[in-house]
Amino acid sequence: MKKRLLAVLLVFVLAASMILPLSGCTQSGAADLMTEVQPRQLAAAAVPDAQNAAVNGFAVRLLQNSASEAASDSVLISPLSMLAALSMTANGAEGETLVQMEAVLGLPVDTLNSCMHAYQAGLPDESTCKVHLANSIWFTDHSRFTAEQDFLQTNADYFGAGIYQAPFDDRTCREINNWVADNTDGMIRNILDEIPDSAVMYLINALSFDAEWQNIYTKNQISSGTFTTEDGTQRSVEMMHSSEFLYLEDEQAAGFMKHYAGGRYAFAALLPDEGVCVADYVAGLSGERLHALLAAPQEKEVIVSLPEFESEYSADMCTVLTDMGMTDAFDQELADLSGLGHSEAGNIYISRVLHKTYISVNEKGTRAGAATVVEPSDTAAAEVEEPKRIVLDRPFVYMIVDCENGFPLFIGTMMDTGR
């Protein structure tokens, strides 16, 4: 039985400080513009290690800023999904807005385009391990807004984005919801309640991961246990026990990696040492340190106890991204997204970045989902030794990792299995 790891990143682009009334919307349903915007065939090369390290830096900074906002609550972020959608958006940024976005994302936008294109081209599509990335751009057919052709072409070329023009009415809302559902195997539904009058564009990225554990747990590997939170609260959990052979260790934590079928992807967990709280451990983490840790796990036996857990997380990421240095994009006057398009109603800026995630880990595998809404508005061999033991019976950091590239599709903290 397969379990699914899903992420959806929805970039919700609105326009103009002064909203003009919607009129002249005579079209019924979305017009597929791919006959006008044909993606060009680009060569796909392997993603350089330095770029993978940069992605880890972005992932760690996202986790650090999100964890500081969430205090003692569990956090779960999809760095890959956010990177994809924000990279598409960055193709429409200019001037200082672009400089700040590139600094936060960790790479120049041209490099991000090539990196994401190369990554998408090499995804597995097997019965026991399938990773799917889909992108689309939807923009209003209202006469006040004009999308830049170069912007659409670039995102079609590098991200394979479908291009649709629509009246942005209730029917368009349903069509977007259907597109998201179709590209997440029905896991994410009704991501939009409505389309505001001010909306001029949506950039959507959907990421789905569908894989079995390489070694599924059997009934005799599962027993009742207790998870203790940092404040001493105890939760009854089902603990899954196994021997793994990829050990992780740094100055303040120890952990392991457990492969999914095919071996390219793995669940990774890091348990801070006794006396080190998760918040302090996360605060001291760096992209370089995480990348080195994931790229070179020690090949030694680890006796692991992993709790079955389920977690949900939601947040507006505006403060997180602003604290990371992406300030102008959220400023009604300073934002420069002119490469995306222009509106007669006023300047285009980002007003919200909503991120929602869900994960469930059990004996069969992992099932998770994520959704993000960005809303710009008009303005080696080891000697024989005793095996290591990792018992995740207290708060820990965890990831779903691409072992080939050494970066996380998802990264989070598990603070309380009862939430």
Protein backbone atom coordinates (compact mmCIF):
# COMPACT_ATOMS: atom_id res chain seq x y z
CA MET A 1 0.00 0.00 0.00
CA LYS A 2 1.48 3.32 -1.05
CA LYS A 3 1.34 6.54 0.94
CA ARG A 4 1.51 9.99 -0.52
CA LEU A 5 3.57 13.01 0.31
CA LEU A 6 1.98 16.03 -1.30
CA ALA A 7 2.73 19.69 -1.55
CA VAL A 8 0.87 22.42 -3.31
CA LEU A 9 2.20 25.93 -3.65
CA LEU A 10 -0.31 28.46 -4.86
CA VAL A 11 1.00 31.91 -5.71
CA PHE A 12 -1.91 34.28 -5.57
CA VAL A 13 -1.04 37.46 -7.47
CA LEU A 14 -3.40 40.41 -7.18
CA ALA A 15 -3.12 43.86 -8.71
CA ALA A 16 -3.47 47.54 -8.02
CA SER A 17 -3.67 49.83 -5.04
CA MET A 18 -6.88 51.27 -6.44
CA ILE A 19 -9.24 48.52 -7.55
CA LEU A 20 -11.18 49.12 -10.73
CA PRO A 21 -14.62 47.54 -11.12
CA LEU A 22 -14.59 44.25 -12.99
CA SER A 23 -16.29 44.73 -16.30
CA GLY A 24 -15.96 43.42 -19.82
CA CYS A 25 -15.43 39.83 -18.62
CA THR A 26 -17.32 38.10 -21.37
CA GLN A 27 -15.34 34.87 -21.51
CA SER A 28 -16.86 31.75 -19.99
CA GLY A 29 -14.22 29.40 -18.58
CA ALA A 30 -10.44 29.43 -18.97
CA ALA A 31 -8.80 29.72 -22.37
CA ASP A 32 -5.79 27.44 -22.73
CA LEU A 33 -3.09 29.67 -24.20
CA MET A 34 -0.51 26.94 -24.76
CA THR A 35 -1.13 27.22 -28.49
CA GLU A 36 0.24 30.76 -28.19
CA VAL A 37 2.94 30.03 -25.57
CA GLN A 38 4.76 26.86 -26.56
CA PRO A 39 7.50 25.69 -24.18
CA ARG A 40 10.86 25.42 -25.87
CA GLN A 41 12.93 22.27 -25.48
CA LEU A 42 15.82 22.95 -23.11
CA ALA A 43 18.70 20.65 -22.22
CA ALA A 44 18.57 19.40 -18.62
CA ALA A 45 21.85 18.98 -16.76
CA ALA A 46 22.49 17.58 -13.30
CA VAL A 47 21.93 20.03 -10.46
CA PRO A 48 25.38 21.15 -9.21
CA ASP A 49 26.18 20.39 -5.58
CA ALA A 50 26.62 24.09 -4.80
CA GLN A 51 23.03 24.72 -5.89
CA ASN A 52 21.79 21.86 -3.72
CA ALA A 53 23.62 23.46 -0.78
CA ALA A 54 21.90 26.77 -1.53
CA VAL A 55 18.51 25.05 -1.46
CA ASN A 56 19.39 23.65 1.96
CA GLY A 57 20.20 27.15 3.11
CA PHE A 58 16.77 28.33 1.99
CA ALA A 59 15.13 25.35 3.73
CA VAL A 60 16.92 25.96 7.02
CA ARG A 61 16.14 29.69 7.04
CA LEU A 62 12.47 28.92 6.35
CA LEU A 63 12.40 26.45 9.23
CA GLN A 64 14.24 28.78 11.61
CA ASN A 65 11.97 31.73 10.99
CA SER A 66 8.83 29.60 11.00
CA ALA A 67 9.83 27.85 14.24
CA SER A 68 10.50 31.16 15.95
CA GLU A 69 7.02 32.32 14.94
CA ALA A 70 5.38 29.06 16.07
CA ALA A 71 7.03 29.01 19.52
CA SER A 72 6.48 25.52 20.97
CA ASP A 73 4.16 24.27 18.22
CA SER A 74 5.12 21.77 15.53
CA VAL A 75 6.14 23.21 12.16
CA LEU A 76 6.17 21.65 8.69
CA ILE A 77 7.42 23.47 5.58
CA SER A 78 7.85 22.34 1.96
CA PRO A 79 11.00 24.19 0.77
CA LEU A 80 10.92 22.62 -2.69
CA SER A 81 7.34 23.65 -3.38
CA MET A 82 7.88 27.18 -2.08
CA LEU A 83 11.09 27.46 -4.09
CA ALA A 84 9.32 26.45 -7.29
CA ALA A 85 6.47 28.94 -7.00
CA LEU A 86 8.59 31.80 -5.68
CA SER A 87 11.10 31.20 -8.49
CA MET A 88 8.31 31.51 -11.03
CA THR A 89 7.24 34.73 -9.34
CA ALA A 90 10.81 36.05 -9.30
CA ASN A 91 10.81 35.88 -13.09
CA GLY A 92 8.45 38.87 -12.90
CA ALA A 93 10.47 40.87 -10.37
CA GLU A 94 12.77 43.75 -11.23
CA GLY A 95 15.28 46.00 -9.45
CA GLU A 96 15.67 45.80 -5.68
CA THR A 97 12.63 43.52 -5.42
CA LEU A 98 14.45 40.92 -7.54
CA VAL A 99 17.72 41.42 -5.65
CA GLN A 100 15.96 40.70 -2.36
CA MET A 101 14.08 37.69 -3.70
CA GLU A 102 17.29 36.17 -5.09
CA ALA A 103 19.06 36.74 -1.77
CA VAL A 104 16.26 34.98 0.13
CA LEU A 105 15.96 32.11 -2.35
CA GLY A 106 19.75 31.70 -2.35
CA LEU A 107 20.42 31.77 -6.10
CA PRO A 108 20.04 34.13 -9.08
CA VAL A 109 16.74 33.71 -10.88
CA ASP A 110 18.40 32.39 -14.06
CA THR A 111 20.14 29.72 -11.99
CA LEU A 112 16.91 28.93 -10.17
CA ASN A 113 15.18 28.41 -13.50
CA SER A 114 17.86 25.99 -14.70
CA CYS A 115 17.97 24.24 -11.32
CA MET A 116 14.22 23.67 -11.18
CA HIS A 117 14.10 22.59 -14.83
CA ALA A 118 16.87 20.05 -14.28
CA TYR A 119 15.23 18.73 -11.13
CA GLN A 120 11.84 18.28 -12.76
CA ALA A 121 13.40 16.46 -15.72
CA GLY A 122 14.96 13.80 -13.49
CA LEU A 123 12.05 12.83 -11.26
CA PRO A 124 11.23 9.11 -10.85
CA ASP A 125 7.99 7.68 -12.16
CA GLU A 126 7.86 4.11 -10.88
CA SER A 127 5.00 2.14 -9.39
CA THR A 128 6.62 2.18 -5.94
CA CYS A 129 8.09 5.68 -6.10
CA LYS A 130 6.62 8.54 -8.08
CA VAL A 131 7.33 12.24 -7.73
CA HIS A 132 5.24 14.67 -9.75
CA LEU A 133 5.68 18.42 -10.21
CA ALA A 134 3.10 20.51 -12.08
CA ASN A 135 2.92 24.26 -12.65
CA SER A 136 0.33 26.58 -14.13
CA ILE A 137 -0.32 30.29 -14.58
CA TRP A 138 -3.82 31.72 -14.65
CA PHE A 139 -4.50 35.38 -15.37
CA THR A 140 -7.59 37.49 -15.69
CA ASP A 141 -9.09 38.43 -19.03
CA HIS A 142 -10.12 41.82 -17.61
CA SER A 143 -8.92 44.63 -19.86
CA ARG A 144 -7.12 46.42 -16.99
CA PHE A 145 -4.39 43.76 -16.79
CA THR A 146 -1.77 42.79 -19.36
CA ALA A 147 0.58 39.86 -18.73
CA GLU A 148 4.12 40.12 -20.05
CA GLN A 149 4.73 37.58 -22.83
CA ASP A 150 8.40 37.07 -21.87
CA PHE A 151 7.32 36.22 -18.31
CA LEU A 152 4.85 33.61 -19.53
CA GLN A 153 7.35 32.17 -22.01
CA THR A 154 10.12 31.83 -19.41
CA ASN A 155 7.88 29.98 -16.98
CA ALA A 156 6.58 27.74 -19.77
CA ASP A 157 10.16 26.96 -20.85
CA TYR A 158 11.70 26.22 -17.46
CA PHE A 159 8.74 25.12 -15.35
CA GLY A 160 6.49 23.59 -18.01
CA ALA A 161 3.77 25.91 -16.74
CA GLY A 162 0.39 25.70 -18.42
CA ILE A 163 -0.97 29.14 -19.33
CA TYR A 164 -4.66 29.98 -18.95
CA GLN A 165 -6.65 33.20 -19.35
CA ALA A 166 -9.99 33.33 -17.56
CA PRO A 167 -12.71 35.70 -16.33
CA PHE A 168 -11.79 35.04 -12.68
CA ASP A 169 -15.34 34.23 -11.67
CA ASP A 170 -16.82 31.30 -9.72
CA ARG A 171 -16.25 28.98 -12.67
CA THR A 172 -12.55 29.88 -12.79
CA CYS A 173 -12.34 29.22 -9.06
CA ARG A 174 -13.72 25.72 -9.64
CA GLU A 175 -11.35 25.15 -12.57
CA ILE A 176 -8.32 26.10 -10.46
CA ASN A 177 -9.50 23.84 -7.64
CA ASN A 178 -9.98 21.01 -10.13
CA TRP A 179 -6.48 21.57 -11.56
CA VAL A 180 -4.97 21.36 -8.08
CA ALA A 181 -6.99 18.25 -7.22
CA ASP A 182 -6.03 16.56 -10.48
CA ASN A 183 -2.34 17.23 -9.90
CA THR A 184 -2.33 16.00 -6.29
CA ASP A 185 -4.26 12.76 -6.85
CA GLY A 186 -7.31 14.39 -5.26
CA MET A 187 -5.50 15.06 -1.98
CA ILE A 188 -5.87 18.85 -2.05
CA ARG A 189 -9.37 20.08 -2.84
CA ASN A 190 -11.09 23.47 -2.76
CA ILE A 191 -7.88 25.40 -2.12
CA LEU A 192 -9.69 28.58 -3.19
CA ASP A 193 -12.96 29.65 -1.57
CA GLU A 194 -13.36 32.53 -4.00
CA ILE A 195 -11.41 34.80 -6.33
CA PRO A 196 -11.32 38.40 -5.04
CA ASP A 197 -12.24 41.21 -7.42
CA SER A 198 -8.64 42.47 -7.23
CA ALA A 199 -7.02 39.24 -8.40
CA VAL A 200 -5.16 39.38 -11.71
CA MET A 201 -2.98 36.26 -11.70
CA TYR A 202 -2.39 32.91 -10.01
CA LEU A 203 0.87 30.99 -10.26
CA ILE A 204 0.40 27.44 -9.00
CA ASN A 205 2.89 24.69 -8.22
CA ALA A 206 1.74 21.21 -7.20
CA LEU A 207 4.18 18.64 -5.84
CA SER A 208 3.21 15.05 -5.07
CA PHE A 209 5.36 12.27 -3.64
CA ASP A 210 3.94 8.73 -3.72
CA ALA A 211 6.19 5.96 -2.39
CA GLU A 212 6.30 2.91 -0.16
CA TRP A 213 8.82 2.39 2.61
CA GLN A 214 11.70 0.29 1.30
CA ASN A 215 11.00 -2.01 4.25
CA ILE A 216 7.44 -1.77 5.52
CA TYR A 217 6.96 -2.34 9.23
CA THR A 218 5.36 -5.61 10.32
CA LYS A 219 3.00 -5.98 13.29
CA ASN A 220 5.71 -7.41 15.53
CA GLN A 221 7.76 -4.26 14.95
CA ILE A 222 5.10 -2.03 16.49
CA SER A 223 4.40 -1.55 20.19
CA SER A 224 2.81 1.00 22.50
CA GLY A 225 5.04 3.77 23.79
CA THR A 226 5.12 7.27 25.25
CA PHE A 227 6.13 10.58 23.67
CA THR A 228 7.08 13.33 26.13
CA THR A 229 6.85 16.98 25.11
CA GLU A 230 9.30 19.63 26.27
CA ASP A 231 6.89 20.75 29.00
CA GLY A 232 6.61 17.19 30.35
CA THR A 233 3.24 16.27 28.85
CA GLN A 234 3.07 12.58 27.97
CA ARG A 235 1.29 11.19 24.92
CA SER A 236 0.49 7.55 24.20
CA VAL A 237 1.85 6.58 20.77
CA GLU A 238 2.46 3.55 18.63
CA MET A 239 6.23 3.15 18.23
CA MET A 240 7.65 1.51 15.11
CA HIS A 241 10.97 -0.31 15.66
CA SER A 242 13.59 -1.17 13.05
CA SER A 243 17.29 -1.36 12.32
CA GLU A 244 18.53 1.26 9.87
CA PHE A 245 22.02 1.65 8.47
CA LEU A 246 22.47 5.37 7.81
CA TYR A 247 23.46 7.25 10.95
CA LEU A 248 23.42 11.04 11.31
CA GLU A 249 25.33 12.92 13.99
CA ASP A 250 26.57 16.44 14.64
CA GLU A 251 27.67 18.36 17.72
CA GLN A 252 24.18 18.58 19.24
CA ALA A 253 22.03 15.84 17.73
CA ALA A 254 21.93 12.27 16.45
CA GLY A 255 19.59 10.68 13.96
CA PHE A 256 19.05 8.36 11.02
CA MET A 257 17.73 8.05 7.49
CA LYS A 258 15.14 5.45 6.46
CA HIS A 259 14.70 4.87 2.73
CA TYR A 260 11.56 4.76 0.68
CA ALA A 261 11.32 2.25 -2.18
CA GLY A 262 13.98 2.79 -4.83
CA GLY A 263 16.42 4.37 -2.40
CA ARG A 264 16.44 7.92 -3.80
CA TYR A 265 14.21 9.37 -1.08
CA ALA A 266 14.36 8.91 2.67
CA PHE A 267 12.78 9.95 5.92
CA ALA A 268 15.41 11.64 8.08
CA ALA A 269 15.15 12.49 11.77
CA LEU A 270 17.48 14.40 14.10
CA LEU A 271 17.03 14.07 17.87
CA PRO A 272 18.72 16.86 19.84
CA ASP A 273 20.94 15.73 22.70
CA GLU A 274 19.49 15.65 26.21
CA GLY A 275 19.40 19.21 27.52
CA VAL A 276 19.19 20.76 24.03
CA CYS A 277 15.73 21.99 23.09
CA VAL A 278 14.52 21.79 19.50
CA ALA A 279 14.29 25.58 19.19
CA ASP A 280 17.94 26.04 20.16
CA TYR A 281 19.05 23.24 17.85
CA VAL A 282 17.14 24.66 14.90
CA ALA A 283 18.41 28.18 15.62
CA GLY A 284 22.01 26.95 15.44
CA LEU A 285 21.54 24.97 12.23
CA SER A 286 22.91 26.19 8.90
CA GLY A 287 22.36 25.19 5.31
CA GLU A 288 26.00 24.13 4.93
CA ARG A 289 25.83 21.99 8.06
CA LEU A 290 22.58 20.31 7.04
CA HIS A 291 23.84 19.69 3.51
CA ALA A 292 27.05 18.08 4.78
CA LEU A 293 25.06 15.94 7.21
CA LEU A 294 22.60 14.65 4.62
CA ALA A 295 25.23 14.17 1.90
CA ALA A 296 27.48 11.90 3.98
CA PRO A 297 25.56 9.78 6.52
CA GLN A 298 27.67 7.27 8.44
CA GLU A 299 27.15 3.66 7.41
CA LYS A 300 26.53 2.00 10.73
CA GLU A 301 23.63 0.20 12.34
CA VAL A 302 21.07 2.31 14.14
CA ILE A 303 18.31 0.75 16.22
CA VAL A 304 15.40 3.12 15.67
CA SER A 305 12.09 3.73 17.40
CA LEU A 306 9.88 6.04 15.37
CA PRO A 307 6.41 7.11 16.56
CA GLU A 308 3.41 7.06 14.32
CA PHE A 309 2.37 10.70 14.14
CA GLU A 310 0.12 13.12 12.41
CA SER A 311 0.58 16.88 12.22
CA GLU A 312 -1.02 19.92 10.60
CA TYR A 313 0.50 23.38 10.20
CA SER A 314 -0.63 26.66 8.71
CA ALA A 315 0.82 30.17 8.70
CA ASP A 316 1.00 33.39 6.76
CA MET A 317 4.62 33.40 5.56
CA CYS A 318 4.80 37.16 4.92
CA THR A 319 6.55 37.83 8.24
CA VAL A 320 8.88 34.87 7.73
CA LEU A 321 9.93 36.01 4.26
CA THR A 322 10.19 39.63 5.35
CA ASP A 323 12.44 38.64 8.26
CA MET A 324 14.54 36.68 5.78
CA GLY A 325 15.07 39.91 3.81
CA MET A 326 12.35 39.89 1.16
CA THR A 327 10.81 43.21 2.18
CA ASP A 328 10.08 45.26 -0.95
CA ALA A 329 7.84 42.62 -2.55
CA PHE A 330 5.34 43.17 0.28
CA ASP A 331 5.49 46.97 0.10
CA GLN A 332 2.66 48.54 -1.90
CA GLU A 333 4.88 51.38 -3.09
CA LEU A 334 8.33 49.74 -3.33
CA ALA A 335 7.39 46.41 -4.95
CA ASP A 336 8.53 46.01 -8.54
CA LEU A 337 6.81 43.06 -10.20
CA SER A 338 6.61 44.87 -13.52
CA GLY A 339 8.16 41.94 -15.38
CA LEU A 340 5.07 39.91 -14.52
CA GLY A 341 2.63 42.31 -16.12
CA HIS A 342 0.99 45.63 -15.45
CA SER A 343 -2.37 46.84 -14.24
CA GLU A 344 -4.08 50.12 -14.96
CA ALA A 345 -5.41 49.93 -11.40
CA GLY A 346 -2.01 50.41 -9.73
CA ASN A 347 1.18 48.77 -8.56
CA ILE A 348 1.44 45.00 -8.03
CA TYR A 349 2.76 43.80 -4.66
CA ILE A 350 2.48 40.67 -2.50
CA SER A 351 -0.09 40.96 0.29
CA ARG A 352 -0.16 37.39 1.69
CA VAL A 353 1.81 34.16 1.58
CA LEU A 354 -0.32 31.42 3.14
CA HIS A 355 1.29 28.03 3.72
CA LYS A 356 -0.58 24.96 4.95
CA THR A 357 0.80 21.46 5.43
CA TYR A 358 -0.26 18.04 6.67
CA ILE A 359 1.71 14.87 7.35
CA SER A 360 0.92 11.38 8.60
CA VAL A 361 3.65 8.80 9.28
CA ASN A 362 2.74 5.17 9.98
CA GLU A 363 3.90 1.59 9.33
CA LYS A 364 3.10 1.72 5.61
CA GLY A 365 4.80 5.01 4.83
CA THR A 366 4.16 8.73 4.79
CA ARG A 367 1.21 10.79 3.68
CA ALA A 368 1.45 14.56 3.62
CA GLY A 369 0.16 17.66 1.92
CA ALA A 370 0.98 21.34 1.70
CA ALA A 371 -0.58 24.46 0.25
CA THR A 372 0.82 27.98 0.04
CA VAL A 373 -0.97 31.10 -1.15
CA VAL A 374 1.15 34.13 -2.08
CA GLU A 375 -1.14 37.11 -2.49
CA PRO A 376 0.38 40.18 -4.12
CA SER A 377 -2.25 42.92 -4.33
CA ASP A 378 -2.59 45.79 -6.74
CA THR A 379 -0.30 48.02 -4.90
CA ALA A 380 32.57 4.62 4.20
CA ALA A 381 33.41 0.71 6.04
CA ALA A 382 32.96 0.80 9.82
CA GLU A 383 34.63 -1.33 12.49
CA VAL A 384 32.37 -3.64 14.50
CA GLU A 385 30.76 -1.73 17.35
CA GLU A 386 27.60 -1.55 19.36
CA PRO A 387 24.74 -0.19 17.24
CA LYS A 388 23.52 3.33 17.90
CA ARG A 389 20.06 3.78 19.37
CA ILE A 390 17.67 6.55 18.40
CA VAL A 391 14.36 6.64 20.26
CA LEU A 392 12.15 9.47 19.05
CA ASP A 393 10.14 9.70 22.26
CA ARG A 394 10.64 13.45 22.65
CA PRO A 395 10.63 16.45 20.26
CA PHE A 396 12.74 16.08 17.12
CA VAL A 397 13.47 17.56 13.69
CA TYR A 398 12.47 15.54 10.62
CA MET A 399 12.62 15.71 6.82
CA ILE A 400 11.65 13.97 3.62
CA VAL A 401 14.99 14.02 1.79
CA ASP A 402 16.09 13.62 -1.80
CA CYS A 403 19.21 11.54 -1.17
CA GLU A 404 20.55 12.05 -4.69
CA ASN A 405 20.62 15.82 -4.31
CA GLY A 406 20.87 16.00 -0.54
CA PHE A 407 18.02 18.44 0.14
CA PRO A 408 14.62 18.18 1.82
CA LEU A 409 11.29 18.24 0.03
CA PHE A 410 9.74 18.75 3.48
CA ILE A 411 11.34 19.84 6.76
CA GLY A 412 9.69 20.24 10.14
CA THR A 413 9.69 19.85 13.90
CA MET A 414 7.58 17.33 15.80
CA MET A 415 6.90 18.92 19.19
CA ASP A 416 3.75 17.09 20.27
CA THR A 417 2.25 13.97 18.69
CA GLY A 418 -1.11 14.88 20.21
CA ARG A 419 -1.54 17.99 18.07
